[in-house]
Amino acid sequence: MVKIGNIKFEAFPVILAPMEDITDPSFRILCKQFGADLMYTEFISSEGLIRDAAKSLKKLDFTDEERPIGVQIFGHNVESMKMAVQKAEEAKPDLIDINWGCPVKKVIAKGAGAGILNDIPKMVKITAEVVKSTDLPVTVKTRLGWDEQNKNIVEIAERLQDVGIKAISIHARTKSQLYKGKADWTLIGEVKNNSRIKIPVIGNGDIDSPLKALKMKEKYNVDGIMIGRAVIGNPWIFKEVKHYFQNNVLLPPPDIKERISICQIHLKRSVEWKGEKRGIFEMRKHYGNYFKGLYDFKKFKIKLLTLEYLNKINDVLDEILNEYS
């Protein structure tokens, strides 16, 4: 059993990584239906929350169907982070997660996200104050360190555990790597095997198949795995990973009828939640994987990536179903 505060997982948890403009409610519900054990909101600016910015507040939307779910916040100011936690608590999440790992330039320029990896004492101070400000379990998502010469995640994990976090998720790259190069799980294994570490250690980075998931689980002895980019347009991956864990047999890929059905549900919910224009625009990130491997698909892909009205896109999805059935 894995415990994160008062949240219990009877089996090894497979977790959906928070991703901006990807893991919104329309997609999270699908991931949950396919077996995601824990999910997070898209990351939310602490400054946006305390100023009641509409975009930030909307990211607090979730349903009981998605539980357990954490609200992930980011920021660089102690008081703003504490106030943001109070605002997030109004949504009644199951936990609060602090993003100390986002490498996007506009985030790190303010000393937030992975930008804090240049100032570990400040990271520890803010984390400690967030922990003290709430009764909810607080977790952290971060990276191996700032760059190749500063991979200090073992020290970071110890210090964050000492101020009260209940789990740590580690992306197996440095800030400087962004999302390039190969993820190096070696230091995740060192954190997990550190006798001082008692909290769950969640591994993240380059898990793109059930085989890779099992390899990382067994080789590094982590308490859970977190799947990020490989889940885009591929919510089935949770079901596939769990089936492989239990049976050591790969599930066949979903047929075209299931792919179309799930894509249509996702599209409908995306439009309902974000409005037609934005909902359609953000769905474009998913089509490549929803229809990965289909022969001579380019003519349909161009339509999906350019059409701007829901009825027209649904017509194309019907065409795809007829073409490949």
Protein backbone atom coordinates (compact mmCIF):
# COMPACT_ATOMS: atom_id res chain seq x y z
CA MET A 1 0.00 0.00 0.00
CA VAL A 2 1.16 3.53 -0.84
CA LYS A 3 -0.04 6.44 1.31
CA ILE A 4 0.12 10.14 0.55
CA GLY A 5 -1.15 11.72 3.71
CA ASN A 6 -4.59 10.20 4.23
CA ILE A 7 -4.88 9.06 0.59
CA LYS A 8 -4.34 5.33 0.24
CA PHE A 9 -3.54 3.33 -2.89
CA GLU A 10 -3.97 -0.40 -2.49
CA ALA A 11 -1.94 -1.13 -5.62
CA PHE A 12 1.04 0.57 -7.25
CA PRO A 13 -0.32 3.95 -8.42
CA VAL A 14 -0.11 5.10 -12.03
CA ILE A 15 -0.51 8.87 -12.04
CA LEU A 16 -1.43 11.48 -14.63
CA ALA A 17 1.16 14.27 -14.78
CA PRO A 18 -0.20 17.82 -14.77
CA MET A 19 0.27 19.50 -18.15
CA GLU A 20 -0.79 22.99 -19.13
CA ASP A 21 -3.61 23.07 -21.70
CA ILE A 22 -3.70 19.25 -21.70
CA THR A 23 -4.93 17.89 -18.36
CA ASP A 24 -8.15 19.86 -18.13
CA PRO A 25 -11.40 18.27 -16.85
CA SER A 26 -12.43 17.09 -20.31
CA PHE A 27 -9.29 14.94 -20.56
CA ARG A 28 -8.83 14.04 -16.89
CA ILE A 29 -12.19 12.29 -16.75
CA LEU A 30 -11.17 10.04 -19.65
CA CYS A 31 -7.85 9.24 -17.97
CA LYS A 32 -9.69 8.37 -14.78
CA GLN A 33 -12.04 6.06 -16.65
CA PHE A 34 -9.02 4.27 -18.11
CA GLY A 35 -7.40 3.80 -14.71
CA ALA A 36 -5.41 6.87 -13.62
CA ASP A 37 -5.05 6.58 -9.85
CA LEU A 38 -4.25 10.21 -9.07
CA MET A 39 -4.53 13.38 -11.11
CA TYR A 40 -3.77 17.06 -10.75
CA THR A 41 -5.19 20.26 -12.16
CA GLU A 42 -3.17 22.12 -14.72
CA PHE A 43 -0.65 24.23 -12.87
CA ILE A 44 -2.17 27.39 -11.46
CA SER A 45 -0.45 30.70 -10.82
CA SER A 46 -0.58 31.68 -7.16
CA GLU A 47 -0.71 35.33 -8.19
CA GLY A 48 -3.59 34.61 -10.56
CA LEU A 49 -5.54 32.79 -7.85
CA ILE A 50 -5.24 35.50 -5.23
CA ARG A 51 -6.26 38.14 -7.77
CA ASP A 52 -9.31 36.09 -8.78
CA ALA A 53 -8.12 35.87 -12.39
CA ALA A 54 -10.79 34.05 -14.35
CA LYS A 55 -8.39 31.65 -16.08
CA SER A 56 -6.77 30.64 -12.79
CA LEU A 57 -10.06 30.20 -10.96
CA LYS A 58 -11.48 28.08 -13.80
CA LYS A 59 -8.61 25.63 -13.37
CA LEU A 60 -10.02 24.78 -9.95
CA ASP A 61 -12.97 23.07 -11.65
CA PHE A 62 -13.16 19.34 -11.09
CA THR A 63 -15.78 16.74 -10.20
CA ASP A 64 -15.96 14.03 -7.57
CA GLU A 65 -15.55 11.54 -10.41
CA GLU A 66 -11.93 12.70 -10.74
CA ARG A 67 -10.90 12.06 -7.12
CA PRO A 68 -8.39 11.78 -5.66
CA ILE A 69 -7.18 15.00 -7.24
CA GLY A 70 -4.63 17.60 -6.31
CA VAL A 71 -4.50 21.29 -7.08
CA GLN A 72 -1.06 22.23 -8.38
CA ILE A 73 0.15 25.77 -7.75
CA PHE A 74 3.29 27.67 -8.66
CA GLY A 75 4.81 30.94 -7.55
CA HIS A 76 7.82 32.55 -5.94
CA ASN A 77 6.39 34.61 -3.08
CA VAL A 78 5.71 33.09 0.35
CA GLU A 79 2.60 35.11 1.16
CA SER A 80 1.11 34.70 -2.30
CA MET A 81 1.61 30.93 -2.15
CA LYS A 82 -0.02 30.71 1.29
CA MET A 83 -2.99 32.80 0.15
CA ALA A 84 -3.29 30.70 -3.01
CA VAL A 85 -3.52 27.56 -0.89
CA GLN A 86 -6.42 29.09 1.04
CA LYS A 87 -8.15 29.88 -2.25
CA ALA A 88 -7.48 26.38 -3.58
CA GLU A 89 -8.91 24.81 -0.43
CA GLU A 90 -12.31 26.27 -1.29
CA ALA A 91 -12.51 23.79 -4.16
CA LYS A 92 -12.00 20.94 -1.66
CA PRO A 93 -9.18 19.03 -3.40
CA ASP A 94 -7.58 15.98 -1.86
CA LEU A 95 -4.09 17.49 -1.79
CA ILE A 96 -2.00 20.51 -2.73
CA ASP A 97 0.97 20.09 -5.06
CA ILE A 98 3.74 22.64 -5.52
CA ASN A 99 5.30 22.87 -8.96
CA TRP A 100 9.05 23.31 -8.57
CA GLY A 101 9.76 21.74 -11.96
CA CYS A 102 8.30 23.76 -14.85
CA PRO A 103 11.19 24.88 -17.10
CA VAL A 104 9.23 27.39 -19.21
CA LYS A 105 11.16 30.63 -19.58
CA LYS A 106 8.43 33.01 -18.40
CA VAL A 107 7.94 30.91 -15.25
CA ILE A 108 11.58 30.47 -14.28
CA ALA A 109 12.33 34.13 -15.02
CA LYS A 110 10.29 34.97 -11.93
CA GLY A 111 12.01 32.35 -9.80
CA ALA A 112 9.00 30.04 -9.89
CA GLY A 113 8.76 26.48 -11.18
CA ALA A 114 12.23 25.07 -11.88
CA GLY A 115 13.62 28.59 -11.41
CA ILE A 116 13.66 27.89 -7.67
CA LEU A 117 16.32 25.21 -8.21
CA ASN A 118 18.81 28.07 -8.16
CA ASP A 119 17.79 28.90 -4.59
CA ILE A 120 17.18 25.75 -2.55
CA PRO A 121 16.85 27.58 0.82
CA LYS A 122 14.01 29.65 -0.66
CA MET A 123 12.40 26.50 -2.08
CA VAL A 124 12.50 24.90 1.36
CA LYS A 125 11.19 28.03 3.08
CA ILE A 126 8.20 28.45 0.77
CA THR A 127 7.40 24.75 0.92
CA ALA A 128 7.52 24.80 4.72
CA GLU A 129 5.14 27.76 4.87
CA VAL A 130 2.71 26.10 2.46
CA VAL A 131 2.74 22.92 4.55
CA LYS A 132 2.00 24.93 7.71
CA SER A 133 -0.82 26.82 6.03
CA THR A 134 -3.05 23.79 5.28
CA ASP A 135 -4.31 20.54 6.76
CA LEU A 136 -4.28 18.94 3.31
CA PRO A 137 -1.33 16.75 2.29
CA VAL A 138 1.26 18.79 0.39
CA THR A 139 3.36 17.19 -2.33
CA VAL A 140 6.06 18.55 -4.63
CA LYS A 141 6.89 17.96 -8.29
CA THR A 142 10.43 18.92 -9.27
CA ARG A 143 13.49 17.95 -11.34
CA LEU A 144 16.95 16.49 -10.76
CA GLY A 145 18.45 19.96 -10.40
CA TRP A 146 19.31 23.10 -12.35
CA ASP A 147 21.83 21.60 -14.77
CA GLU A 148 24.28 18.74 -15.26
CA GLN A 149 26.67 20.20 -12.68
CA ASN A 150 23.94 20.76 -10.09
CA LYS A 151 21.93 17.56 -9.76
CA ASN A 152 21.07 17.93 -6.07
CA ILE A 153 17.74 16.13 -5.91
CA VAL A 154 18.89 13.79 -3.11
CA GLU A 155 19.51 16.77 -0.82
CA ILE A 156 16.35 18.52 -2.02
CA ALA A 157 14.18 15.48 -1.26
CA GLU A 158 15.58 15.20 2.26
CA ARG A 159 15.06 18.88 3.02
CA LEU A 160 11.53 18.96 1.63
CA GLN A 161 10.60 15.83 3.56
CA ASP A 162 11.96 17.47 6.71
CA VAL A 163 9.52 20.38 6.33
CA GLY A 164 6.54 18.09 5.93
CA ILE A 165 5.74 17.18 2.34
CA LYS A 166 3.93 13.84 1.99
CA ALA A 167 5.34 12.72 -1.40
CA ILE A 168 7.72 13.89 -4.09
CA SER A 169 7.40 13.43 -7.84
CA ILE A 170 10.67 13.73 -9.73
CA HIS A 171 11.03 14.39 -13.44
CA ALA A 172 14.25 12.67 -14.48
CA ARG A 173 15.75 15.68 -16.25
CA THR A 174 17.38 18.93 -15.17
CA LYS A 175 15.89 22.34 -15.76
CA SER A 176 18.49 22.97 -18.48
CA GLN A 177 17.42 19.86 -20.39
CA LEU A 178 13.85 21.10 -20.70
CA TYR A 179 12.22 18.05 -22.33
CA LYS A 180 15.20 17.14 -24.48
CA GLY A 181 17.65 14.28 -24.21
CA LYS A 182 17.11 11.07 -22.35
CA ALA A 183 15.52 10.99 -18.92
CA ASP A 184 18.01 9.71 -16.31
CA TRP A 185 16.24 7.82 -13.54
CA THR A 186 19.46 6.97 -11.68
CA LEU A 187 19.07 9.77 -9.17
CA ILE A 188 15.39 8.97 -8.68
CA GLY A 189 16.60 5.53 -7.60
CA GLU A 190 19.09 7.14 -5.23
CA VAL A 191 16.36 9.22 -3.63
CA LYS A 192 14.16 6.16 -3.21
CA ASN A 193 16.99 4.07 -1.75
CA ASN A 194 18.12 6.82 0.63
CA SER A 195 17.45 5.43 4.11
CA ARG A 196 16.40 8.91 5.27
CA ILE A 197 13.53 9.11 2.81
CA LYS A 198 10.24 7.79 4.20
CA ILE A 199 7.76 9.53 1.89
CA PRO A 200 6.58 8.05 -1.43
CA VAL A 201 8.87 8.75 -4.39
CA ILE A 202 7.11 9.03 -7.75
CA GLY A 203 9.15 8.66 -10.95
CA ASN A 204 8.41 10.66 -14.09
CA GLY A 205 10.07 10.99 -17.48
CA ASP A 206 9.96 9.10 -20.80
CA ILE A 207 7.41 6.50 -19.72
CA ASP A 208 5.78 5.87 -23.07
CA SER A 209 4.77 2.21 -22.96
CA PRO A 210 3.72 -0.53 -20.53
CA LEU A 211 7.14 -2.18 -20.97
CA LYS A 212 8.96 1.02 -20.00
CA ALA A 213 6.61 1.52 -17.05
CA LEU A 214 7.34 -1.94 -15.67
CA LYS A 215 11.07 -1.55 -16.23
CA MET A 216 11.19 1.70 -14.25
CA LYS A 217 8.98 0.31 -11.51
CA GLU A 218 11.19 -2.72 -10.98
CA LYS A 219 14.61 -1.21 -11.64
CA TYR A 220 14.25 1.86 -9.43
CA ASN A 221 11.84 0.59 -6.79
CA VAL A 222 9.73 3.76 -6.95
CA ASP A 223 6.40 4.00 -5.14
CA GLY A 224 4.51 5.08 -8.23
CA ILE A 225 4.99 6.32 -11.78
CA MET A 226 3.73 9.50 -13.39
CA ILE A 227 2.97 9.60 -17.11
CA GLY A 228 3.12 12.89 -18.99
CA ARG A 229 3.52 13.48 -22.72
CA ALA A 230 2.79 9.87 -23.71
CA VAL A 231 -0.77 10.22 -22.46
CA ILE A 232 -1.66 13.05 -24.86
CA GLY A 233 -4.33 11.67 -27.17
CA ASN A 234 -3.73 8.31 -25.52
CA PRO A 235 -5.79 7.94 -22.32
CA TRP A 236 -5.75 4.18 -22.86
CA ILE A 237 -2.17 4.01 -21.62
CA PHE A 238 -3.27 3.69 -17.98
CA LYS A 239 -5.34 0.61 -18.78
CA GLU A 240 -2.53 -0.84 -20.87
CA VAL A 241 0.09 -0.29 -18.17
CA LYS A 242 -2.01 -1.83 -15.42
CA HIS A 243 -2.93 -4.83 -17.56
CA TYR A 244 0.75 -5.41 -18.31
CA PHE A 245 1.67 -5.13 -14.62
CA GLN A 246 -0.90 -7.77 -13.73
CA ASN A 247 -0.59 -10.16 -16.66
CA ASN A 248 2.75 -9.49 -18.36
CA VAL A 249 0.81 -9.41 -21.64
CA LEU A 250 0.25 -6.38 -23.84
CA LEU A 251 -3.31 -5.38 -24.64
CA PRO A 252 -4.09 -4.93 -28.33
CA PRO A 253 -4.38 -1.27 -29.33
CA PRO A 254 -7.89 0.22 -29.43
CA ASP A 255 -9.68 -0.20 -32.74
CA ILE A 256 -10.79 2.73 -34.85
CA LYS A 257 -14.33 2.68 -33.46
CA GLU A 258 -13.08 3.14 -29.90
CA ARG A 259 -10.57 5.79 -30.91
CA ILE A 260 -13.26 7.81 -32.66
CA SER A 261 -15.73 7.38 -29.81
CA ILE A 262 -13.29 8.57 -27.13
CA CYS A 263 -12.03 11.41 -29.31
CA GLN A 264 -15.60 12.63 -29.88
CA ILE A 265 -16.36 12.52 -26.15
CA HIS A 266 -13.15 14.43 -25.44
CA LEU A 267 -13.89 17.03 -28.11
CA LYS A 268 -17.47 17.56 -26.89
CA ARG A 269 -16.36 18.05 -23.30
CA SER A 270 -13.49 20.32 -24.32
CA VAL A 271 -15.88 22.62 -26.17
CA GLU A 272 -18.38 22.55 -23.31
CA TRP A 273 -15.72 23.52 -20.80
CA LYS A 274 -13.69 26.07 -22.78
CA GLY A 275 -16.04 27.27 -25.48
CA GLU A 276 -15.94 26.27 -29.14
CA LYS A 277 -12.95 28.33 -30.28
CA ARG A 278 -10.51 27.44 -27.49
CA GLY A 279 -11.86 23.94 -26.99
CA ILE A 280 -11.25 23.09 -30.66
CA PHE A 281 -7.83 24.74 -30.70
CA GLU A 282 -6.53 22.80 -27.70
CA MET A 283 -7.89 19.49 -29.00
CA ARG A 284 -5.46 19.78 -31.92
CA LYS A 285 -2.64 18.64 -29.63
CA HIS A 286 -4.34 15.27 -29.19
CA TYR A 287 -5.26 14.19 -32.72
CA GLY A 288 -1.80 12.94 -33.67
CA ASN A 289 -1.87 10.24 -31.00
CA TYR A 290 -5.58 9.45 -31.22
CA PHE A 291 -4.97 8.36 -34.81
CA LYS A 292 -1.33 7.37 -34.67
CA GLY A 293 -0.34 4.69 -37.17
CA LEU A 294 -3.26 5.07 -39.56
CA TYR A 295 -2.11 4.69 -43.16
CA ASP A 296 -2.40 7.72 -45.45
CA PHE A 297 -3.93 9.87 -42.70
CA LYS A 298 -2.45 13.22 -43.76
CA LYS A 299 -5.55 14.44 -45.63
CA PHE A 300 -7.68 13.97 -42.51
CA LYS A 301 -5.05 15.39 -40.18
CA ILE A 302 -4.90 18.64 -42.15
CA LYS A 303 -8.66 19.03 -41.79
CA LEU A 304 -8.60 18.31 -38.05
CA LEU A 305 -5.84 20.87 -37.54
CA THR A 306 -7.52 23.63 -39.54
CA LEU A 307 -11.29 23.35 -39.17
CA GLU A 308 -12.82 25.78 -36.66
CA TYR A 309 -16.36 24.50 -36.12
CA LEU A 310 -17.49 21.53 -34.06
CA ASN A 311 -19.98 20.17 -36.60
CA LYS A 312 -17.35 20.19 -39.36
CA ILE A 313 -14.83 18.35 -37.19
CA ASN A 314 -17.42 15.74 -36.24
CA ASP A 315 -18.10 15.24 -39.96
CA VAL A 316 -14.39 14.54 -40.49
CA LEU A 317 -14.35 12.10 -37.58
CA ASP A 318 -17.25 10.25 -39.20
CA GLU A 319 -15.28 10.17 -42.47
CA ILE A 320 -12.29 8.68 -40.64
CA LEU A 321 -14.48 6.00 -39.10
CA ASN A 322 -15.89 5.04 -42.49
CA GLU A 323 -12.44 5.10 -44.11
CA TYR A 324 -10.68 2.85 -41.61
CA SER A 325 -13.45 0.54 -40.39
